[in-house]
Amino acid sequence: MKFKVIIGEDLEDEGYNVSCPSLPGCHSQGDTIEDALKNIKEAIECYLESLEKDNLSVSTEPRLEIMEVTV
């Protein structure tokens, strides 16, 4: 299965945060982008195992857009 993830630089901890919007609460982090991607893959696998154990299905991918606003 393929999942979209969002990676953001964590300026405070000097690493990267990553989340999977189609799996609410599925987040991870890493010191590098590669580490963050490896860690979110593990988090997604655990999330999917938990859904399977509880006989639940994965919801559909939400529509995502990155937009800029001026304030």
PDB file of N, CA and C in Angstrom:
ATOM      1  N   MET A   1       0.839  -1.182   0.000  1.00  0.00           N
ATOM      2  CA  MET A   1       0.000   0.000   0.000  1.00  0.00           C
ATOM      3  C   MET A   1       0.884   1.245   0.000  1.00  0.00           C
ATOM      4  N   LYS A   2       0.390   2.273  -0.622  1.00  0.00           N
ATOM      5  CA  LYS A   2       1.102   3.542  -0.641  1.00  0.00           C
ATOM      6  C   LYS A   2       0.327   4.558   0.191  1.00  0.00           C
ATOM      7  N   PHE A   3       1.065   5.330   0.958  1.00  0.00           N
ATOM      8  CA  PHE A   3       0.475   6.376   1.780  1.00  0.00           C
ATOM      9  C   PHE A   3       1.241   7.668   1.558  1.00  0.00           C
ATOM     10  N   LYS A   4       0.520   8.775   1.535  1.00  0.00           N
ATOM     11  CA  LYS A   4       1.170  10.083   1.459  1.00  0.00           C
ATOM     12  C   LYS A   4       1.570  10.478   2.872  1.00  0.00           C
ATOM     13  N   VAL A   5       2.758  11.060   2.991  1.00  0.00           N
ATOM     14  CA  VAL A   5       3.217  11.546   4.279  1.00  0.00           C
ATOM     15  C   VAL A   5       3.651  12.998   4.136  1.00  0.00           C
ATOM     16  N   ILE A   6       3.633  13.688   5.241  1.00  0.00           N
ATOM     17  CA  ILE A   6       4.057  15.083   5.280  1.00  0.00           C
ATOM     18  C   ILE A   6       5.280  15.162   6.185  1.00  0.00           C
ATOM     19  N   ILE A   7       6.357  15.723   5.665  1.00  0.00           N
ATOM     20  CA  ILE A   7       7.594  15.861   6.423  1.00  0.00           C
ATOM     21  C   ILE A   7       7.859  17.342   6.638  1.00  0.00           C
ATOM     22  N   GLY A   8       8.164  17.677   7.868  1.00  0.00           N
ATOM     23  CA  GLY A   8       8.493  19.060   8.181  1.00  0.00           C
ATOM     24  C   GLY A   8       9.744  19.141   9.035  1.00  0.00           C
ATOM     25  N   GLU A   9      10.542  20.148   8.785  1.00  0.00           N
ATOM     26  CA  GLU A   9      11.751  20.347   9.564  1.00  0.00           C
ATOM     27  C   GLU A   9      11.375  20.809  10.970  1.00  0.00           C
ATOM     28  N   ASP A  10      11.991  20.223  11.979  1.00  0.00           N
ATOM     29  CA  ASP A  10      11.770  20.612  13.364  1.00  0.00           C
ATOM     30  C   ASP A  10      12.930  21.498  13.779  1.00  0.00           C
ATOM     31  N   LEU A  11      12.728  22.795  13.719  1.00  0.00           N
ATOM     32  CA  LEU A  11      13.803  23.743  13.996  1.00  0.00           C
ATOM     33  C   LEU A  11      14.246  23.695  15.455  1.00  0.00           C
ATOM     34  N   GLU A  12      13.325  23.341  16.343  1.00  0.00           N
ATOM     35  CA  GLU A  12      13.653  23.286  17.767  1.00  0.00           C
ATOM     36  C   GLU A  12      14.554  22.101  18.103  1.00  0.00           C
ATOM     37  N   ASP A  13      14.243  20.931  17.552  1.00  0.00           N
ATOM     38  CA  ASP A  13      15.005  19.720  17.851  1.00  0.00           C
ATOM     39  C   ASP A  13      16.009  19.355  16.761  1.00  0.00           C
ATOM     40  N   GLU A  14      16.097  20.171  15.717  1.00  0.00           N
ATOM     41  CA  GLU A  14      17.036  19.960  14.615  1.00  0.00           C
ATOM     42  C   GLU A  14      16.876  18.592  13.951  1.00  0.00           C
ATOM     43  N   GLY A  15      15.657  18.200  13.705  1.00  0.00           N
ATOM     44  CA  GLY A  15      15.368  16.947  13.026  1.00  0.00           C
ATOM     45  C   GLY A  15      14.178  17.157  12.116  1.00  0.00           C
ATOM     46  N   TYR A  16      13.416  16.092  11.908  1.00  0.00           N
ATOM     47  CA  TYR A  16      12.263  16.156  11.021  1.00  0.00           C
ATOM     48  C   TYR A  16      11.085  15.432  11.657  1.00  0.00           C
ATOM     49  N   ASN A  17       9.915  16.023  11.538  1.00  0.00           N
ATOM     50  CA  ASN A  17       8.662  15.401  11.959  1.00  0.00           C
ATOM     51  C   ASN A  17       7.950  14.907  10.721  1.00  0.00           C
ATOM     52  N   VAL A  18       7.265  13.799  10.845  1.00  0.00           N
ATOM     53  CA  VAL A  18       6.551  13.240   9.693  1.00  0.00           C
ATOM     54  C   VAL A  18       5.228  12.670  10.170  1.00  0.00           C
ATOM     55  N   SER A  19       4.189  12.859   9.368  1.00  0.00           N
ATOM     56  CA  SER A  19       2.866  12.323   9.711  1.00  0.00           C
ATOM     57  C   SER A  19       2.210  11.743   8.470  1.00  0.00           C
ATOM     58  N   CYS A  20       1.241  10.882   8.716  1.00  0.00           N
ATOM     59  CA  CYS A  20       0.473  10.248   7.649  1.00  0.00           C
ATOM     60  C   CYS A  20      -0.983  10.681   7.808  1.00  0.00           C
ATOM     61  N   PRO A  21      -1.439  11.661   7.037  1.00  0.00           N
ATOM     62  CA  PRO A  21      -2.775  12.230   7.214  1.00  0.00           C
ATOM     63  C   PRO A  21      -3.927  11.226   7.116  1.00  0.00           C
ATOM     64  N   SER A  22      -3.760  10.158   6.346  1.00  0.00           N
ATOM     65  CA  SER A  22      -4.867   9.207   6.206  1.00  0.00           C
ATOM     66  C   SER A  22      -4.962   8.263   7.403  1.00  0.00           C
ATOM     67  N   LEU A  23      -3.984   8.315   8.302  1.00  0.00           N
ATOM     68  CA  LEU A  23      -4.008   7.494   9.515  1.00  0.00           C
ATOM     69  C   LEU A  23      -3.904   8.449  10.711  1.00  0.00           C
ATOM     70  N   PRO A  24      -5.036   8.927  11.210  1.00  0.00           N
ATOM     71  CA  PRO A  24      -5.030   9.924  12.284  1.00  0.00           C
ATOM     72  C   PRO A  24      -4.183   9.480  13.476  1.00  0.00           C
ATOM     73  N   GLY A  25      -3.305  10.379  13.903  1.00  0.00           N
ATOM     74  CA  GLY A  25      -2.444  10.098  15.039  1.00  0.00           C
ATOM     75  C   GLY A  25      -1.170   9.356  14.697  1.00  0.00           C
ATOM     76  N   CYS A  26      -0.948   9.057  13.423  1.00  0.00           N
ATOM     77  CA  CYS A  26       0.243   8.320  13.004  1.00  0.00           C
ATOM     78  C   CYS A  26       1.340   9.324  12.672  1.00  0.00           C
ATOM     79  N   HIS A  27       2.259   9.496  13.624  1.00  0.00           N
ATOM     80  CA  HIS A  27       3.340  10.468  13.508  1.00  0.00           C
ATOM     81  C   HIS A  27       4.648   9.805  13.882  1.00  0.00           C
ATOM     82  N   SER A  28       5.736  10.383  13.428  1.00  0.00           N
ATOM     83  CA  SER A  28       7.058   9.931  13.838  1.00  0.00           C
ATOM     84  C   SER A  28       8.036  11.065  13.616  1.00  0.00           C
ATOM     85  N   GLN A  29       9.311  10.757  13.821  1.00  0.00           N
ATOM     86  CA  GLN A  29      10.342  11.770  13.643  1.00  0.00           C
ATOM     87  C   GLN A  29      11.664  11.097  13.349  1.00  0.00           C
ATOM     88  N   GLY A  30      12.663  11.881  12.996  1.00  0.00           N
ATOM     89  CA  GLY A  30      13.999  11.354  12.746  1.00  0.00           C
ATOM     90  C   GLY A  30      14.999  12.480  12.654  1.00  0.00           C
ATOM     91  N   ASP A  31      16.255  12.138  12.818  1.00  0.00           N
ATOM     92  CA  ASP A  31      17.318  13.135  12.737  1.00  0.00           C
ATOM     93  C   ASP A  31      17.534  13.616  11.308  1.00  0.00           C
ATOM     94  N   THR A  32      17.263  12.740  10.338  1.00  0.00           N
ATOM     95  CA  THR A  32      17.381  13.078   8.919  1.00  0.00           C
ATOM     96  C   THR A  32      16.062  12.737   8.233  1.00  0.00           C
ATOM     97  N   ILE A  33      15.896  13.200   7.005  1.00  0.00           N
ATOM     98  CA  ILE A  33      14.688  12.851   6.253  1.00  0.00           C
ATOM     99  C   ILE A  33      14.615  11.344   6.068  1.00  0.00           C
ATOM    100  N   GLU A  34      15.757  10.722   5.785  1.00  0.00           N
ATOM    101  CA  GLU A  34      15.782   9.272   5.586  1.00  0.00           C
ATOM    102  C   GLU A  34      15.347   8.545   6.857  1.00  0.00           C
ATOM    103  N   ASP A  35      15.843   8.998   8.018  1.00  0.00           N
ATOM    104  CA  ASP A  35      15.438   8.398   9.292  1.00  0.00           C
ATOM    105  C   ASP A  35      13.941   8.588   9.533  1.00  0.00           C
ATOM    106  N   ALA A  36      13.458   9.787   9.255  1.00  0.00           N
ATOM    107  CA  ALA A  36      12.042  10.077   9.469  1.00  0.00           C
ATOM    108  C   ALA A  36      11.171   9.181   8.584  1.00  0.00           C
ATOM    109  N   LEU A  37      11.567   8.978   7.328  1.00  0.00           N
ATOM    110  CA  LEU A  37      10.803   8.114   6.429  1.00  0.00           C
ATOM    111  C   LEU A  37      10.837   6.660   6.892  1.00  0.00           C
ATOM    112  N   LYS A  38      11.987   6.203   7.348  1.00  0.00           N
ATOM    113  CA  LYS A  38      12.100   4.837   7.866  1.00  0.00           C
ATOM    114  C   LYS A  38      11.196   4.666   9.087  1.00  0.00           C
ATOM    115  N   ASN A  39      11.202   5.663   9.960  1.00  0.00           N
ATOM    116  CA  ASN A  39      10.402   5.584  11.179  1.00  0.00           C
ATOM    117  C   ASN A  39       8.902   5.659  10.907  1.00  0.00           C
ATOM    118  N   ILE A  40       8.483   6.479   9.930  1.00  0.00           N
ATOM    119  CA  ILE A  40       7.046   6.549   9.642  1.00  0.00           C
ATOM    120  C   ILE A  40       6.579   5.266   8.980  1.00  0.00           C
ATOM    121  N   LYS A  41       7.447   4.602   8.200  1.00  0.00           N
ATOM    122  CA  LYS A  41       7.073   3.313   7.621  1.00  0.00           C
ATOM    123  C   LYS A  41       6.782   2.310   8.726  1.00  0.00           C
ATOM    124  N   GLU A  42       7.625   2.296   9.763  1.00  0.00           N
ATOM    125  CA  GLU A  42       7.397   1.405  10.899  1.00  0.00           C
ATOM    126  C   GLU A  42       6.115   1.775  11.631  1.00  0.00           C
ATOM    127  N   ALA A  43       5.878   3.074  11.805  1.00  0.00           N
ATOM    128  CA  ALA A  43       4.668   3.531  12.486  1.00  0.00           C
ATOM    129  C   ALA A  43       3.417   3.138  11.696  1.00  0.00           C
ATOM    130  N   ILE A  44       3.477   3.266  10.375  1.00  0.00           N
ATOM    131  CA  ILE A  44       2.338   2.882   9.528  1.00  0.00           C
ATOM    132  C   ILE A  44       2.086   1.387   9.625  1.00  0.00           C
ATOM    133  N   GLU A  45       3.156   0.593   9.585  1.00  0.00           N
ATOM    134  CA  GLU A  45       2.993  -0.861   9.708  1.00  0.00           C
ATOM    135  C   GLU A  45       2.319  -1.227  11.033  1.00  0.00           C
ATOM    136  N   CYS A  46       2.743  -0.608  12.126  1.00  0.00           N
ATOM    137  CA  CYS A  46       2.129  -0.878  13.434  1.00  0.00           C
ATOM    138  C   CYS A  46       0.668  -0.435  13.453  1.00  0.00           C
ATOM    139  N   TYR A  47       0.396   0.709  12.849  1.00  0.00           N
ATOM    140  CA  TYR A  47      -0.968   1.234  12.790  1.00  0.00           C
ATOM    141  C   TYR A  47      -1.869   0.256  12.032  1.00  0.00           C
ATOM    142  N   LEU A  48      -1.384  -0.220  10.878  1.00  0.00           N
ATOM    143  CA  LEU A  48      -2.167  -1.150  10.068  1.00  0.00           C
ATOM    144  C   LEU A  48      -2.380  -2.482  10.788  1.00  0.00           C
ATOM    145  N   GLU A  49      -1.363  -2.954  11.500  1.00  0.00           N
ATOM    146  CA  GLU A  49      -1.519  -4.187  12.282  1.00  0.00           C
ATOM    147  C   GLU A  49      -2.589  -4.020  13.344  1.00  0.00           C
ATOM    148  N   SER A  50      -2.614  -2.855  13.973  1.00  0.00           N
ATOM    149  CA  SER A  50      -3.625  -2.575  14.995  1.00  0.00           C
ATOM    150  C   SER A  50      -5.028  -2.537  14.393  1.00  0.00           C
ATOM    151  N   LEU A  51      -5.165  -1.903  13.212  1.00  0.00           N
ATOM    152  CA  LEU A  51      -6.463  -1.866  12.537  1.00  0.00           C
ATOM    153  C   LEU A  51      -6.926  -3.280  12.198  1.00  0.00           C
ATOM    154  N   GLU A  52      -6.004  -4.093  11.680  1.00  0.00           N
ATOM    155  CA  GLU A  52      -6.343  -5.462  11.300  1.00  0.00           C
ATOM    156  C   GLU A  52      -6.775  -6.274  12.522  1.00  0.00           C
ATOM    157  N   LYS A  53      -6.070  -6.108  13.611  1.00  0.00           N
ATOM    158  CA  LYS A  53      -6.394  -6.824  14.850  1.00  0.00           C
ATOM    159  C   LYS A  53      -7.806  -6.483  15.328  1.00  0.00           C
ATOM    160  N   ASP A  54      -8.209  -5.211  15.141  1.00  0.00           N
ATOM    161  CA  ASP A  54      -9.527  -4.756  15.567  1.00  0.00           C
ATOM    162  C   ASP A  54     -10.579  -4.849  14.463  1.00  0.00           C
ATOM    163  N   ASN A  55     -10.234  -5.497  13.348  1.00  0.00           N
ATOM    164  CA  ASN A  55     -11.135  -5.651  12.198  1.00  0.00           C
ATOM    165  C   ASN A  55     -11.653  -4.314  11.683  1.00  0.00           C
ATOM    166  N   LEU A  56     -10.784  -3.337  11.614  1.00  0.00           N
ATOM    167  CA  LEU A  56     -11.135  -2.015  11.096  1.00  0.00           C
ATOM    168  C   LEU A  56     -10.431  -1.810   9.759  1.00  0.00           C
ATOM    169  N   SER A  57     -10.964  -0.930   8.940  1.00  0.00           N
ATOM    170  CA  SER A  57     -10.367  -0.679   7.632  1.00  0.00           C
ATOM    171  C   SER A  57      -9.703   0.694   7.602  1.00  0.00           C
ATOM    172  N   VAL A  58      -8.859   0.882   6.622  1.00  0.00           N
ATOM    173  CA  VAL A  58      -8.186   2.157   6.416  1.00  0.00           C
ATOM    174  C   VAL A  58      -9.147   3.100   5.720  1.00  0.00           C
ATOM    175  N   SER A  59      -9.239   4.319   6.220  1.00  0.00           N
ATOM    176  CA  SER A  59     -10.101   5.300   5.563  1.00  0.00           C
ATOM    177  C   SER A  59      -9.455   5.754   4.264  1.00  0.00           C
ATOM    178  N   THR A  60     -10.213   6.432   3.439  1.00  0.00           N
ATOM    179  CA  THR A  60      -9.668   6.909   2.166  1.00  0.00           C
ATOM    180  C   THR A  60      -8.701   8.056   2.402  1.00  0.00           C
ATOM    181  N   GLU A  61      -7.804   8.236   1.471  1.00  0.00           N
ATOM    182  CA  GLU A  61      -6.823   9.322   1.559  1.00  0.00           C
ATOM    183  C   GLU A  61      -7.547  10.667   1.516  1.00  0.00           C
ATOM    184  N   PRO A  62      -7.251  11.546   2.476  1.00  0.00           N
ATOM    185  CA  PRO A  62      -7.872  12.869   2.430  1.00  0.00           C
ATOM    186  C   PRO A  62      -7.237  13.720   1.333  1.00  0.00           C
ATOM    187  N   ARG A  63      -7.972  14.660   0.843  1.00  0.00           N
ATOM    188  CA  ARG A  63      -7.443  15.591  -0.152  1.00  0.00           C
ATOM    189  C   ARG A  63      -6.536  16.568   0.574  1.00  0.00           C
ATOM    190  N   LEU A  64      -5.334  16.725   0.083  1.00  0.00           N
ATOM    191  CA  LEU A  64      -4.358  17.627   0.697  1.00  0.00           C
ATOM    192  C   LEU A  64      -3.922  18.687  -0.282  1.00  0.00           C
ATOM    193  N   GLU A  65      -3.800  19.898   0.223  1.00  0.00           N
ATOM    194  CA  GLU A  65      -3.250  20.992  -0.568  1.00  0.00           C
ATOM    195  C   GLU A  65      -2.344  21.806   0.333  1.00  0.00           C
ATOM    196  N   ILE A  66      -1.242  22.242  -0.205  1.00  0.00           N
ATOM    197  CA  ILE A  66      -0.385  23.159   0.530  1.00  0.00           C
ATOM    198  C   ILE A  66      -0.581  24.512  -0.112  1.00  0.00           C
ATOM    199  N   MET A  67      -1.009  25.449   0.728  1.00  0.00           N
ATOM    200  CA  MET A  67      -1.305  26.778   0.213  1.00  0.00           C
ATOM    201  C   MET A  67      -0.579  27.813   1.064  1.00  0.00           C
ATOM    202  N   GLU A  68      -0.441  28.974   0.535  1.00  0.00           N
ATOM    203  CA  GLU A  68       0.225  30.063   1.247  1.00  0.00           C
ATOM    204  C   GLU A  68      -0.789  31.158   1.521  1.00  0.00           C
ATOM    205  N   VAL A  69      -0.726  31.696   2.727  1.00  0.00           N
ATOM    206  CA  VAL A  69      -1.582  32.836   3.080  1.00  0.00           C
ATOM    207  C   VAL A  69      -0.695  33.966   3.561  1.00  0.00           C
ATOM    208  N   THR A  70      -1.145  35.154   3.339  1.00  0.00           N
ATOM    209  CA  THR A  70      -0.416  36.338   3.793  1.00  0.00           C
ATOM    210  C   THR A  70      -1.146  36.932   4.974  1.00  0.00           C
ATOM    211  N   VAL A  71      -0.401  37.218   6.039  1.00  0.00           N
ATOM    212  CA  VAL A  71      -1.023  37.839   7.211  1.00  0.00           C
ATOM    213  C   VAL A  71      -0.280  39.094   7.590  1.00  0.00           C
TER     214      VAL A  71
END
